[in-house]
Amino acid sequence: MSYHESGALSAEEPLCRYEGSKRWFRGPGRALESPYVVCVGADETFGRFVARPFPSVLDERLDVPCVNLGSLFCGVDGLTQDSGVLDLMNKAKTCVLQLPGLLGQTNPFYRVHTRRNDRVLAATSDLRALYPEVDFAEIHFVRHLILRLAEFQDARFEMLADTLKRGWLTALSDFLTRVEPPVILLWLDMAHSPDAQHLSLPEPVRVTASMVEELARHCAGKVEMQVRPSGESDDLEDMLFGTMQQPMAEYMIGPATHRAIADRLLPAIRDLD
């Protein structure tokens, strides 16, 4: 099923592809003539349900083009296992890398879809042995899987979380050593209000400040921001979505937050000149 068929996009969100990569990125496509800045990431960089995501704001304010390589459902695997993404980054002047979450990675306990890293393809025999009481046939998304396993609140879940964290650090550290231009890490820490705890992942499976600091050793800069989904702010009314898409839009960051991200990134990028 394509992104269009799944209803993932609004009419205002064009897609494009670049030679060498299998992923669909936020369009319209750009002529990749050096020098350019590239922003790589997932739904937030893509700017889901937003007319002008932060790469577009940067494009208007920088002296060089800013290319949006935001891709829907892109996790650790989508970022690190697509050689085309790395090639596009290595041809850029500067790279902004939005850090992915922990869940979208194949690991000893489950396998994810190569393009839609939010989908579980299969639980491994190790996970089935660890949780014999769980019916994994009913679970198709990584967030659903983690929330289900977190219900048991025992040492098994700590083992799973530790495996995800170690896999995340190993994969991203290796990836960053292969990126040649200077990289600015962008960590968007999704904050939720106390009455929206059902949206949050358990604490053990969140990226931590110490993990970001470890990756930052490979990078030229770092920007950290706590952001709120549009459903918990005044941004929702300024987003572009159909009636059936509102539940998805409420999880995304809105236009004002994208402008704030661009404001924070702009001096970090200019400082590298």
C-alpha atoms as a PDB file:
ATOM      1  CA  MET A   1       0.000   0.000   0.000  1.00  0.00           C
ATOM      2  CA  SER A   2       1.394   3.405  -0.927  1.00  0.00           C
ATOM      3  CA  TYR A   3       1.439   6.515   1.259  1.00  0.00           C
ATOM      4  CA  HIS A   4      -1.403   7.952  -0.847  1.00  0.00           C
ATOM      5  CA  GLU A   5      -3.466   4.775  -0.544  1.00  0.00           C
ATOM      6  CA  SER A   6      -3.047   4.694   3.218  1.00  0.00           C
ATOM      7  CA  GLY A   7      -4.398   8.230   3.586  1.00  0.00           C
ATOM      8  CA  ALA A   8      -1.166   9.327   5.220  1.00  0.00           C
ATOM      9  CA  LEU A   9      -0.908  12.551   3.248  1.00  0.00           C
ATOM     10  CA  SER A  10      -3.038  15.605   2.728  1.00  0.00           C
ATOM     11  CA  ALA A  11      -3.410  17.153  -0.693  1.00  0.00           C
ATOM     12  CA  GLU A  12      -0.858  19.791   0.334  1.00  0.00           C
ATOM     13  CA  GLU A  13       1.999  17.321   0.887  1.00  0.00           C
ATOM     14  CA  PRO A  14       3.776  16.396  -2.370  1.00  0.00           C
ATOM     15  CA  LEU A  15       6.246  13.528  -2.467  1.00  0.00           C
ATOM     16  CA  CYS A  16       9.488  13.135  -4.342  1.00  0.00           C
ATOM     17  CA  ARG A  17      12.358  10.698  -4.745  1.00  0.00           C
ATOM     18  CA  TYR A  18      16.058  11.252  -5.265  1.00  0.00           C
ATOM     19  CA  GLU A  19      18.307   8.988  -7.291  1.00  0.00           C
ATOM     20  CA  GLY A  20      19.914   6.260  -5.230  1.00  0.00           C
ATOM     21  CA  SER A  21      17.338   6.161  -2.437  1.00  0.00           C
ATOM     22  CA  LYS A  22      14.271   3.948  -2.138  1.00  0.00           C
ATOM     23  CA  ARG A  23      12.479   6.324   0.235  1.00  0.00           C
ATOM     24  CA  TRP A  24       9.826   8.928  -0.539  1.00  0.00           C
ATOM     25  CA  PHE A  25      10.676  12.387   0.764  1.00  0.00           C
ATOM     26  CA  ARG A  26       8.798  15.641   1.229  1.00  0.00           C
ATOM     27  CA  GLY A  27       8.443  17.342  -2.135  1.00  0.00           C
ATOM     28  CA  PRO A  28       8.668  19.118  -4.370  1.00  0.00           C
ATOM     29  CA  GLY A  29      11.990  17.689  -5.495  1.00  0.00           C
ATOM     30  CA  ARG A  30      14.996  19.993  -5.573  1.00  0.00           C
ATOM     31  CA  ALA A  31      17.962  20.204  -7.923  1.00  0.00           C
ATOM     32  CA  LEU A  32      20.827  18.971  -5.755  1.00  0.00           C
ATOM     33  CA  GLU A  33      23.500  21.397  -6.839  1.00  0.00           C
ATOM     34  CA  SER A  34      26.206  22.101  -4.271  1.00  0.00           C
ATOM     35  CA  PRO A  35      26.350  23.789  -1.917  1.00  0.00           C
ATOM     36  CA  TYR A  36      23.160  22.870  -0.067  1.00  0.00           C
ATOM     37  CA  VAL A  37      22.008  22.112   3.461  1.00  0.00           C
ATOM     38  CA  VAL A  38      20.064  18.919   4.004  1.00  0.00           C
ATOM     39  CA  CYS A  39      17.565  18.130   6.782  1.00  0.00           C
ATOM     40  CA  VAL A  40      17.101  14.404   7.390  1.00  0.00           C
ATOM     41  CA  GLY A  41      14.469  12.903   9.640  1.00  0.00           C
ATOM     42  CA  ALA A  42      11.033  11.384  10.023  1.00  0.00           C
ATOM     43  CA  ASP A  43       7.482  12.743  10.273  1.00  0.00           C
ATOM     44  CA  GLU A  44       8.468  15.979  12.006  1.00  0.00           C
ATOM     45  CA  THR A  45      11.124  16.890   9.437  1.00  0.00           C
ATOM     46  CA  PHE A  46       8.726  15.876   6.666  1.00  0.00           C
ATOM     47  CA  GLY A  47       6.198  18.299   8.131  1.00  0.00           C
ATOM     48  CA  ARG A  48       3.123  16.136   8.132  1.00  0.00           C
ATOM     49  CA  PHE A  49      -0.056  18.245   7.794  1.00  0.00           C
ATOM     50  CA  VAL A  50       2.029  21.456   7.700  1.00  0.00           C
ATOM     51  CA  ALA A  51       2.417  23.739   4.665  1.00  0.00           C
ATOM     52  CA  ARG A  52       5.879  25.035   5.608  1.00  0.00           C
ATOM     53  CA  PRO A  53       7.921  22.600   7.725  1.00  0.00           C
ATOM     54  CA  PHE A  54      11.118  23.854   9.322  1.00  0.00           C
ATOM     55  CA  PRO A  55      13.357  22.918   6.331  1.00  0.00           C
ATOM     56  CA  SER A  56      11.190  25.208   4.167  1.00  0.00           C
ATOM     57  CA  VAL A  57      11.545  28.026   6.707  1.00  0.00           C
ATOM     58  CA  LEU A  58      15.322  27.525   6.701  1.00  0.00           C
ATOM     59  CA  ASP A  59      15.337  27.492   2.908  1.00  0.00           C
ATOM     60  CA  GLU A  60      13.879  31.008   2.898  1.00  0.00           C
ATOM     61  CA  ARG A  61      16.357  32.323   5.452  1.00  0.00           C
ATOM     62  CA  LEU A  62      19.652  30.709   4.434  1.00  0.00           C
ATOM     63  CA  ASP A  63      21.942  31.802   1.615  1.00  0.00           C
ATOM     64  CA  VAL A  64      22.007  28.257   0.199  1.00  0.00           C
ATOM     65  CA  PRO A  65      19.162  25.831  -0.617  1.00  0.00           C
ATOM     66  CA  CYS A  66      17.843  23.669   2.215  1.00  0.00           C
ATOM     67  CA  VAL A  67      16.667  20.255   1.019  1.00  0.00           C
ATOM     68  CA  ASN A  68      14.006  18.378   2.994  1.00  0.00           C
ATOM     69  CA  LEU A  69      14.839  14.692   3.322  1.00  0.00           C
ATOM     70  CA  GLY A  70      12.084  14.102   5.828  1.00  0.00           C
ATOM     71  CA  SER A  71      10.428  10.733   5.246  1.00  0.00           C
ATOM     72  CA  LEU A  72       7.290   9.326   6.841  1.00  0.00           C
ATOM     73  CA  PHE A  73       7.649   6.338   9.166  1.00  0.00           C
ATOM     74  CA  CYS A  74      11.452   6.552   9.052  1.00  0.00           C
ATOM     75  CA  GLY A  75      13.137   5.047  12.082  1.00  0.00           C
ATOM     76  CA  VAL A  76      16.658   3.837  12.767  1.00  0.00           C
ATOM     77  CA  ASP A  77      16.517   1.269   9.951  1.00  0.00           C
ATOM     78  CA  GLY A  78      15.154   3.661   7.329  1.00  0.00           C
ATOM     79  CA  LEU A  79      17.881   6.151   8.125  1.00  0.00           C
ATOM     80  CA  THR A  80      20.903   3.903   8.453  1.00  0.00           C
ATOM     81  CA  GLN A  81      20.177   1.181   5.901  1.00  0.00           C
ATOM     82  CA  ASP A  82      19.443   3.338   2.835  1.00  0.00           C
ATOM     83  CA  SER A  83      22.759   4.045   1.119  1.00  0.00           C
ATOM     84  CA  GLY A  84      21.086   6.737  -0.971  1.00  0.00           C
ATOM     85  CA  VAL A  85      20.342   8.825   2.124  1.00  0.00           C
ATOM     86  CA  LEU A  86      23.981   8.686   3.163  1.00  0.00           C
ATOM     87  CA  ASP A  87      25.107   9.667  -0.353  1.00  0.00           C
ATOM     88  CA  LEU A  88      22.748  12.671  -0.381  1.00  0.00           C
ATOM     89  CA  MET A  89      24.065  13.759   3.000  1.00  0.00           C
ATOM     90  CA  ASN A  90      27.687  13.402   1.941  1.00  0.00           C
ATOM     91  CA  LYS A  91      27.116  15.708  -1.036  1.00  0.00           C
ATOM     92  CA  ALA A  92      25.704  18.445   1.193  1.00  0.00           C
ATOM     93  CA  LYS A  93      27.504  21.356   2.811  1.00  0.00           C
ATOM     94  CA  THR A  94      25.861  20.808   6.194  1.00  0.00           C
ATOM     95  CA  CYS A  95      23.468  18.176   7.549  1.00  0.00           C
ATOM     96  CA  VAL A  96      20.725  18.523  10.136  1.00  0.00           C
ATOM     97  CA  LEU A  97      19.793  15.102  11.509  1.00  0.00           C
ATOM     98  CA  GLN A  98      16.587  14.690  13.474  1.00  0.00           C
ATOM     99  CA  LEU A  99      17.217  11.815  15.842  1.00  0.00           C
ATOM    100  CA  PRO A 100      14.784   8.904  15.422  1.00  0.00           C
ATOM    101  CA  GLY A 101      13.080   7.208  18.329  1.00  0.00           C
ATOM    102  CA  LEU A 102      14.093   3.841  19.713  1.00  0.00           C
ATOM    103  CA  LEU A 103      11.314   1.686  18.300  1.00  0.00           C
ATOM    104  CA  GLY A 104      11.840   1.668  14.520  1.00  0.00           C
ATOM    105  CA  GLN A 105      14.698  -0.810  14.380  1.00  0.00           C
ATOM    106  CA  THR A 106      14.979  -4.521  13.745  1.00  0.00           C
ATOM    107  CA  ASN A 107      16.502  -6.148  16.816  1.00  0.00           C
ATOM    108  CA  PRO A 108      16.761  -9.548  18.536  1.00  0.00           C
ATOM    109  CA  PHE A 109      13.105  -9.299  19.643  1.00  0.00           C
ATOM    110  CA  TYR A 110      11.207  -8.088  16.565  1.00  0.00           C
ATOM    111  CA  ARG A 111      11.633  -7.161  12.907  1.00  0.00           C
ATOM    112  CA  VAL A 112      10.294  -3.955  11.350  1.00  0.00           C
ATOM    113  CA  HIS A 113       9.262  -3.154   7.783  1.00  0.00           C
ATOM    114  CA  THR A 114      12.177  -1.819   5.721  1.00  0.00           C
ATOM    115  CA  ARG A 115      10.339   1.370   4.680  1.00  0.00           C
ATOM    116  CA  ARG A 116       7.566   1.701   7.255  1.00  0.00           C
ATOM    117  CA  ASN A 117       9.607   1.319  10.401  1.00  0.00           C
ATOM    118  CA  ASP A 118       6.492   1.813  12.535  1.00  0.00           C
ATOM    119  CA  ARG A 119       5.228  -1.636  11.491  1.00  0.00           C
ATOM    120  CA  VAL A 120       6.151  -4.944  13.126  1.00  0.00           C
ATOM    121  CA  LEU A 121       6.750  -7.700  10.599  1.00  0.00           C
ATOM    122  CA  ALA A 122       7.249 -10.441  13.155  1.00  0.00           C
ATOM    123  CA  ALA A 123       8.115 -11.132  16.757  1.00  0.00           C
ATOM    124  CA  THR A 124      11.224 -13.293  16.997  1.00  0.00           C
ATOM    125  CA  SER A 125      11.409 -16.628  18.798  1.00  0.00           C
ATOM    126  CA  ASP A 126      13.326 -14.876  21.593  1.00  0.00           C
ATOM    127  CA  LEU A 127      10.445 -12.462  22.226  1.00  0.00           C
ATOM    128  CA  ARG A 128       7.848 -15.230  22.056  1.00  0.00           C
ATOM    129  CA  ALA A 129       9.826 -17.234  24.587  1.00  0.00           C
ATOM    130  CA  LEU A 130      10.204 -14.172  26.817  1.00  0.00           C
ATOM    131  CA  TYR A 131       6.451 -13.377  26.724  1.00  0.00           C
ATOM    132  CA  PRO A 132       4.610 -16.689  26.218  1.00  0.00           C
ATOM    133  CA  GLU A 133       1.366 -15.118  27.483  1.00  0.00           C
ATOM    134  CA  VAL A 134       1.172 -12.546  24.644  1.00  0.00           C
ATOM    135  CA  ASP A 135      -0.628 -13.174  21.337  1.00  0.00           C
ATOM    136  CA  PHE A 136       1.672 -11.380  18.883  1.00  0.00           C
ATOM    137  CA  ALA A 137      -0.565 -12.171  15.915  1.00  0.00           C
ATOM    138  CA  GLU A 138      -2.787  -9.269  16.962  1.00  0.00           C
ATOM    139  CA  ILE A 139       0.040  -6.708  17.079  1.00  0.00           C
ATOM    140  CA  HIS A 140       1.073  -4.856  13.912  1.00  0.00           C
ATOM    141  CA  PHE A 141       2.691  -1.599  15.092  1.00  0.00           C
ATOM    142  CA  VAL A 142       5.778  -1.105  17.237  1.00  0.00           C
ATOM    143  CA  ARG A 143       4.109   1.411  19.567  1.00  0.00           C
ATOM    144  CA  HIS A 144       1.257  -1.031  20.218  1.00  0.00           C
ATOM    145  CA  LEU A 145       3.813  -3.793  20.868  1.00  0.00           C
ATOM    146  CA  ILE A 146       5.815  -1.760  23.386  1.00  0.00           C
ATOM    147  CA  LEU A 147       2.748  -0.488  25.229  1.00  0.00           C
ATOM    148  CA  ARG A 148       1.409  -4.043  25.458  1.00  0.00           C
ATOM    149  CA  LEU A 149       4.655  -5.435  26.866  1.00  0.00           C
ATOM    150  CA  ALA A 150       5.033  -2.519  29.281  1.00  0.00           C
ATOM    151  CA  GLU A 151       1.811  -3.626  31.004  1.00  0.00           C
ATOM    152  CA  PHE A 152       3.732  -6.443  32.710  1.00  0.00           C
ATOM    153  CA  GLN A 153       6.151  -4.059  34.480  1.00  0.00           C
ATOM    154  CA  ASP A 154       8.846  -6.606  35.174  1.00  0.00           C
ATOM    155  CA  ALA A 155      12.516  -7.327  34.434  1.00  0.00           C
ATOM    156  CA  ARG A 156      11.675  -8.661  30.998  1.00  0.00           C
ATOM    157  CA  PHE A 157      10.688  -5.213  29.815  1.00  0.00           C
ATOM    158  CA  GLU A 158      13.901  -3.705  31.164  1.00  0.00           C
ATOM    159  CA  MET A 159      15.834  -6.265  29.118  1.00  0.00           C
ATOM    160  CA  LEU A 160      13.931  -5.307  25.975  1.00  0.00           C
ATOM    161  CA  ALA A 161      14.443  -1.571  26.580  1.00  0.00           C
ATOM    162  CA  ASP A 162      18.174  -2.034  27.176  1.00  0.00           C
ATOM    163  CA  THR A 163      18.485  -3.959  23.904  1.00  0.00           C
ATOM    164  CA  LEU A 164      16.714  -1.180  21.991  1.00  0.00           C
ATOM    165  CA  LYS A 165      18.935   1.505  23.525  1.00  0.00           C
ATOM    166  CA  ARG A 166      22.164  -0.341  22.760  1.00  0.00           C
ATOM    167  CA  GLY A 167      21.019  -1.057  19.198  1.00  0.00           C
ATOM    168  CA  TRP A 168      20.068   2.605  18.694  1.00  0.00           C
ATOM    169  CA  LEU A 169      23.438   3.888  19.883  1.00  0.00           C
ATOM    170  CA  THR A 170      25.429   1.353  17.885  1.00  0.00           C
ATOM    171  CA  ALA A 171      23.555   1.918  14.619  1.00  0.00           C
ATOM    172  CA  LEU A 172      23.545   5.728  14.815  1.00  0.00           C
ATOM    173  CA  SER A 173      27.154   6.002  16.003  1.00  0.00           C
ATOM    174  CA  ASP A 174      28.288   3.888  13.068  1.00  0.00           C
ATOM    175  CA  PHE A 175      26.130   5.924  10.691  1.00  0.00           C
ATOM    176  CA  LEU A 176      27.519   9.246  11.899  1.00  0.00           C
ATOM    177  CA  THR A 177      31.100   8.095  11.379  1.00  0.00           C
ATOM    178  CA  ARG A 178      30.228   7.674   7.688  1.00  0.00           C
ATOM    179  CA  VAL A 179      28.755  11.162   7.250  1.00  0.00           C
ATOM    180  CA  GLU A 180      31.452  13.474   5.885  1.00  0.00           C
ATOM    181  CA  PRO A 181      29.979  17.015   6.200  1.00  0.00           C
ATOM    182  CA  PRO A 182      29.386  18.579   9.631  1.00  0.00           C
ATOM    183  CA  VAL A 183      26.222  17.308  11.309  1.00  0.00           C
ATOM    184  CA  ILE A 184      23.901  19.167  13.666  1.00  0.00           C
ATOM    185  CA  LEU A 185      21.880  16.768  15.789  1.00  0.00           C
ATOM    186  CA  LEU A 186      18.269  17.774  16.301  1.00  0.00           C
ATOM    187  CA  TRP A 187      16.595  16.144  19.291  1.00  0.00           C
ATOM    188  CA  LEU A 188      12.872  16.876  19.448  1.00  0.00           C
ATOM    189  CA  ASP A 189      11.818  15.632  22.853  1.00  0.00           C
ATOM    190  CA  MET A 190       8.055  15.220  22.730  1.00  0.00           C
ATOM    191  CA  ALA A 191       6.614  16.528  25.978  1.00  0.00           C
ATOM    192  CA  HIS A 192       3.082  15.622  27.033  1.00  0.00           C
ATOM    193  CA  SER A 193       0.796  17.158  29.593  1.00  0.00           C
ATOM    194  CA  PRO A 194      -0.169  15.052  32.644  1.00  0.00           C
ATOM    195  CA  ASP A 195      -3.632  14.382  31.202  1.00  0.00           C
ATOM    196  CA  ALA A 196      -2.160  12.899  27.999  1.00  0.00           C
ATOM    197  CA  GLN A 197       0.004  10.160  29.458  1.00  0.00           C
ATOM    198  CA  HIS A 198      -1.689   7.624  27.196  1.00  0.00           C
ATOM    199  CA  LEU A 199       0.229   9.190  24.286  1.00  0.00           C
ATOM    200  CA  SER A 200       3.608   8.700  25.943  1.00  0.00           C
ATOM    201  CA  LEU A 201       5.908   5.736  25.702  1.00  0.00           C
ATOM    202  CA  PRO A 202       7.176   4.237  28.965  1.00  0.00           C
ATOM    203  CA  GLU A 203      10.238   6.010  30.346  1.00  0.00           C
ATOM    204  CA  PRO A 204      12.649   3.073  29.723  1.00  0.00           C
ATOM    205  CA  VAL A 205      12.109   3.248  25.940  1.00  0.00           C
ATOM    206  CA  ARG A 206      12.694   6.960  25.477  1.00  0.00           C
ATOM    207  CA  VAL A 207      15.865   8.529  24.165  1.00  0.00           C
ATOM    208  CA  THR A 208      17.754  10.129  27.052  1.00  0.00           C
ATOM    209  CA  ALA A 209      20.022  13.158  27.292  1.00  0.00           C
ATOM    210  CA  SER A 210      23.040  10.954  28.005  1.00  0.00           C
ATOM    211  CA  MET A 211      22.403   8.957  24.816  1.00  0.00           C
ATOM    212  CA  VAL A 212      22.210  12.169  22.784  1.00  0.00           C
ATOM    213  CA  GLU A 213      25.442  13.413  24.367  1.00  0.00           C
ATOM    214  CA  GLU A 214      27.195  10.207  23.347  1.00  0.00           C
ATOM    215  CA  LEU A 215      26.155  10.704  19.724  1.00  0.00           C
ATOM    216  CA  ALA A 216      27.005  14.403  19.835  1.00  0.00           C
ATOM    217  CA  ARG A 217      30.683  13.497  20.119  1.00  0.00           C
ATOM    218  CA  HIS A 218      30.534  12.608  16.417  1.00  0.00           C
ATOM    219  CA  CYS A 219      28.844  15.890  15.440  1.00  0.00           C
ATOM    220  CA  ALA A 220      29.575  19.580  14.959  1.00  0.00           C
ATOM    221  CA  GLY A 221      26.556  20.803  16.914  1.00  0.00           C
ATOM    222  CA  LYS A 222      23.410  19.867  18.792  1.00  0.00           C
ATOM    223  CA  VAL A 223      19.973  21.462  19.175  1.00  0.00           C
ATOM    224  CA  GLU A 224      17.594  20.101  21.802  1.00  0.00           C
ATOM    225  CA  MET A 225      13.961  21.173  22.071  1.00  0.00           C
ATOM    226  CA  GLN A 226      10.962  20.027  24.018  1.00  0.00           C
ATOM    227  CA  VAL A 227       7.980  20.152  21.693  1.00  0.00           C
ATOM    228  CA  ARG A 228       4.280  19.509  22.149  1.00  0.00           C
ATOM    229  CA  PRO A 229       1.934  17.805  19.683  1.00  0.00           C
ATOM    230  CA  SER A 230      -0.645  20.040  18.059  1.00  0.00           C
ATOM    231  CA  GLY A 231      -3.451  18.314  19.946  1.00  0.00           C
ATOM    232  CA  GLU A 232      -2.076  19.850  23.141  1.00  0.00           C
ATOM    233  CA  SER A 233      -1.381  23.322  21.745  1.00  0.00           C
ATOM    234  CA  ASP A 234      -3.066  26.036  19.665  1.00  0.00           C
ATOM    235  CA  ASP A 235      -1.387  24.777  16.482  1.00  0.00           C
ATOM    236  CA  LEU A 236      -4.035  22.302  15.364  1.00  0.00           C
ATOM    237  CA  GLU A 237      -6.307  24.920  13.774  1.00  0.00           C
ATOM    238  CA  ASP A 238      -3.454  26.021  11.471  1.00  0.00           C
ATOM    239  CA  MET A 239      -2.739  22.539  10.110  1.00  0.00           C
ATOM    240  CA  LEU A 240      -3.923  20.975   6.848  1.00  0.00           C
ATOM    241  CA  PHE A 241      -5.845  17.720   7.176  1.00  0.00           C
ATOM    242  CA  GLY A 242      -9.068  16.031   6.184  1.00  0.00           C
ATOM    243  CA  THR A 243     -11.843  15.162   8.617  1.00  0.00           C
ATOM    244  CA  MET A 244     -10.669  11.560   8.979  1.00  0.00           C
ATOM    245  CA  GLN A 245      -7.057  12.656   9.527  1.00  0.00           C
ATOM    246  CA  GLN A 246      -7.568  14.773  12.646  1.00  0.00           C
ATOM    247  CA  PRO A 247      -6.571  12.001  15.095  1.00  0.00           C
ATOM    248  CA  MET A 248      -3.240  11.649  13.257  1.00  0.00           C
ATOM    249  CA  ALA A 249      -2.751  15.427  13.037  1.00  0.00           C
ATOM    250  CA  GLU A 250      -3.159  15.767  16.800  1.00  0.00           C
ATOM    251  CA  TYR A 251       0.015  13.705  17.285  1.00  0.00           C
ATOM    252  CA  MET A 252       2.088  15.936  14.951  1.00  0.00           C
ATOM    253  CA  ILE A 253       3.786  19.252  15.693  1.00  0.00           C
ATOM    254  CA  GLY A 254       2.202  22.343  14.150  1.00  0.00           C
ATOM    255  CA  PRO A 255       3.391  25.379  12.151  1.00  0.00           C
ATOM    256  CA  ALA A 256       4.389  27.536  15.129  1.00  0.00           C
ATOM    257  CA  THR A 257       6.591  24.748  16.451  1.00  0.00           C
ATOM    258  CA  HIS A 258       8.226  24.332  13.028  1.00  0.00           C
ATOM    259  CA  ARG A 259       9.056  28.038  12.999  1.00  0.00           C
ATOM    260  CA  ALA A 260      10.533  27.758  16.494  1.00  0.00           C
ATOM    261  CA  ILE A 261      12.699  24.823  15.392  1.00  0.00           C
ATOM    262  CA  ALA A 262      13.986  26.832  12.422  1.00  0.00           C
ATOM    263  CA  ASP A 263      14.773  29.735  14.771  1.00  0.00           C
ATOM    264  CA  ARG A 264      16.934  27.444  16.885  1.00  0.00           C
ATOM    265  CA  LEU A 265      18.654  25.749  13.954  1.00  0.00           C
ATOM    266  CA  LEU A 266      19.483  28.890  11.994  1.00  0.00           C
ATOM    267  CA  PRO A 267      22.316  30.213  14.220  1.00  0.00           C
ATOM    268  CA  ALA A 268      23.719  26.691  14.652  1.00  0.00           C
ATOM    269  CA  ILE A 269      23.968  26.294  10.884  1.00  0.00           C
ATOM    270  CA  ARG A 270      25.422  29.773  10.357  1.00  0.00           C
ATOM    271  CA  ASP A 271      28.042  29.182  13.038  1.00  0.00           C
ATOM    272  CA  LEU A 272      29.514  26.428  10.832  1.00  0.00           C
ATOM    273  CA  ASP A 273      30.287  28.833   7.980  1.00  0.00           C
END
